Amino acid sequence: MLEKTTRMNYLYDFYQSLLTPKQRNYMSLYYLDDFSLGEIAEEYKISRQAVYDNIKRTETMLEEYEEKLLLFQKFQERRELITELKQLSQEYENSTRLQNVIQLLEKLE
């Protein structure tokens, strides 16, 4: 469950601007603020099932966006390359330039 929550949080970060305000609110409350379905339903005065359905539809949409745009996958690949570059930079005594490039890459994240 934690892995799914982490993935949804990343997908939400990358694609939230493509969601409706209602979808953003539900996802934010559920995944970021750790509200239960019942708490969200009470907040919006709707049924728990309506909240559940909306969240499930939104999760599917986020996965479809990722399937097409691959922003999260590319982010993970960049992080792995930065980690590898850091390890390589330790092998060179005078690697100031390489260290600077790594820092610039990290700022892009």
Protein backbone atom coordinates (compact mmCIF):
# COMPACT_ATOMS: atom_id res chain seq x y z
CA MET A 1 0.00 0.00 0.00
CA LEU A 2 2.83 2.39 0.83
CA GLU A 3 4.35 1.85 -2.62
CA LYS A 4 1.03 2.69 -4.29
CA THR A 5 0.62 5.78 -2.12
CA THR A 6 4.12 6.97 -2.99
CA ARG A 7 3.50 6.38 -6.70
CA MET A 8 0.16 8.23 -6.59
CA ASN A 9 1.78 11.13 -4.78
CA TYR A 10 4.42 11.42 -7.51
CA LEU A 11 1.87 11.09 -10.30
CA TYR A 12 -0.28 13.70 -8.59
CA ASP A 13 2.71 16.05 -8.38
CA PHE A 14 3.46 15.65 -12.07
CA TYR A 15 -0.07 15.73 -13.47
CA GLN A 16 -2.24 17.65 -10.99
CA SER A 17 -2.62 20.57 -13.39
CA LEU A 18 -4.48 18.22 -15.75
CA LEU A 19 -7.11 17.39 -13.11
CA THR A 20 -10.31 19.21 -12.27
CA PRO A 21 -10.40 21.18 -9.00
CA LYS A 22 -12.66 18.51 -7.45
CA GLN A 23 -10.26 15.73 -8.46
CA ARG A 24 -7.31 17.69 -7.07
CA ASN A 25 -9.14 18.27 -3.78
CA TYR A 26 -10.11 14.62 -3.30
CA MET A 27 -6.66 13.32 -4.23
CA SER A 28 -4.92 15.86 -2.03
CA LEU A 29 -7.10 15.05 0.96
CA TYR A 30 -6.85 11.29 0.45
CA TYR A 31 -3.17 10.89 -0.46
CA LEU A 32 -1.42 13.94 0.96
CA ASP A 33 -3.50 14.71 4.05
CA ASP A 34 -4.37 11.07 4.79
CA PHE A 35 -8.13 11.67 5.11
CA SER A 36 -10.35 8.60 5.04
CA LEU A 37 -13.07 8.20 2.41
CA GLY A 38 -15.64 8.86 5.13
CA GLU A 39 -13.95 12.09 6.21
CA ILE A 40 -13.85 13.38 2.64
CA ALA A 41 -17.48 12.38 2.11
CA GLU A 42 -18.49 14.23 5.25
CA GLU A 43 -16.49 17.30 4.22
CA TYR A 44 -18.21 17.47 0.81
CA LYS A 45 -21.58 16.13 1.99
CA ILE A 46 -21.62 13.26 -0.51
CA SER A 47 -21.54 9.49 -0.16
CA ARG A 48 -18.42 7.55 0.64
CA GLN A 49 -18.99 5.56 -2.56
CA ALA A 50 -18.97 8.78 -4.64
CA VAL A 51 -15.62 9.74 -3.15
CA TYR A 52 -14.24 6.25 -3.76
CA ASP A 53 -15.42 6.25 -7.39
CA ASN A 54 -13.93 9.67 -8.02
CA ILE A 55 -10.58 8.72 -6.52
CA LYS A 56 -10.44 5.46 -8.50
CA ARG A 57 -11.27 7.26 -11.75
CA THR A 58 -8.64 9.88 -11.01
CA GLU A 59 -6.01 7.21 -10.23
CA THR A 60 -6.77 5.60 -13.59
CA MET A 61 -6.44 8.96 -15.33
CA LEU A 62 -3.09 9.62 -13.66
CA GLU A 63 -1.81 6.21 -14.75
CA GLU A 64 -2.98 6.90 -18.32
CA TYR A 65 -1.18 10.26 -18.34
CA GLU A 66 1.98 8.56 -17.14
CA GLU A 67 1.63 5.83 -19.77
CA LYS A 68 1.58 8.50 -22.48
CA LEU A 69 3.90 11.18 -21.12
CA LEU A 70 6.32 9.15 -18.94
CA LEU A 71 7.24 12.12 -16.72
CA PHE A 72 7.59 10.01 -13.58
CA GLN A 73 9.59 7.30 -15.35
CA LYS A 74 12.01 9.88 -16.77
CA PHE A 75 12.31 11.48 -13.33
CA GLN A 76 13.29 8.13 -11.82
CA GLU A 77 15.81 7.47 -14.59
CA ARG A 78 17.40 10.91 -14.05
CA ARG A 79 17.67 10.26 -10.32
CA GLU A 80 19.42 6.95 -10.98
CA LEU A 81 21.87 8.62 -13.38
CA ILE A 82 22.62 11.37 -10.86
CA THR A 83 23.34 8.75 -8.21
CA GLU A 84 25.66 6.95 -10.61
CA LEU A 85 27.42 10.20 -11.49
CA LYS A 86 27.98 10.93 -7.81
CA GLN A 87 29.58 7.53 -7.36
CA LEU A 88 31.78 8.06 -10.40
CA SER A 89 32.83 11.52 -9.23
CA GLN A 90 34.27 10.01 -6.05
CA GLU A 91 36.76 8.08 -8.16
CA TYR A 92 38.41 11.28 -9.44
CA GLU A 93 40.46 13.48 -7.16
CA ASN A 94 39.96 16.70 -9.11
CA SER A 95 36.31 16.38 -9.99
CA THR A 96 35.12 19.90 -9.21
CA ARG A 97 33.71 20.34 -12.68
CA LEU A 98 31.87 17.03 -12.48
CA GLN A 99 30.53 17.95 -9.04
CA ASN A 100 29.22 21.23 -10.48
CA VAL A 101 27.46 19.43 -13.31
CA ILE A 102 25.86 17.03 -10.83
CA GLN A 103 24.63 19.96 -8.72
CA LEU A 104 23.11 21.60 -11.80
CA LEU A 105 21.33 18.37 -12.70
CA GLU A 106 19.96 18.07 -9.18
CA LYS A 107 18.58 21.60 -9.35
CA LEU A 108 16.58 20.61 -12.44
CA GLU A 109 14.73 18.02 -10.40
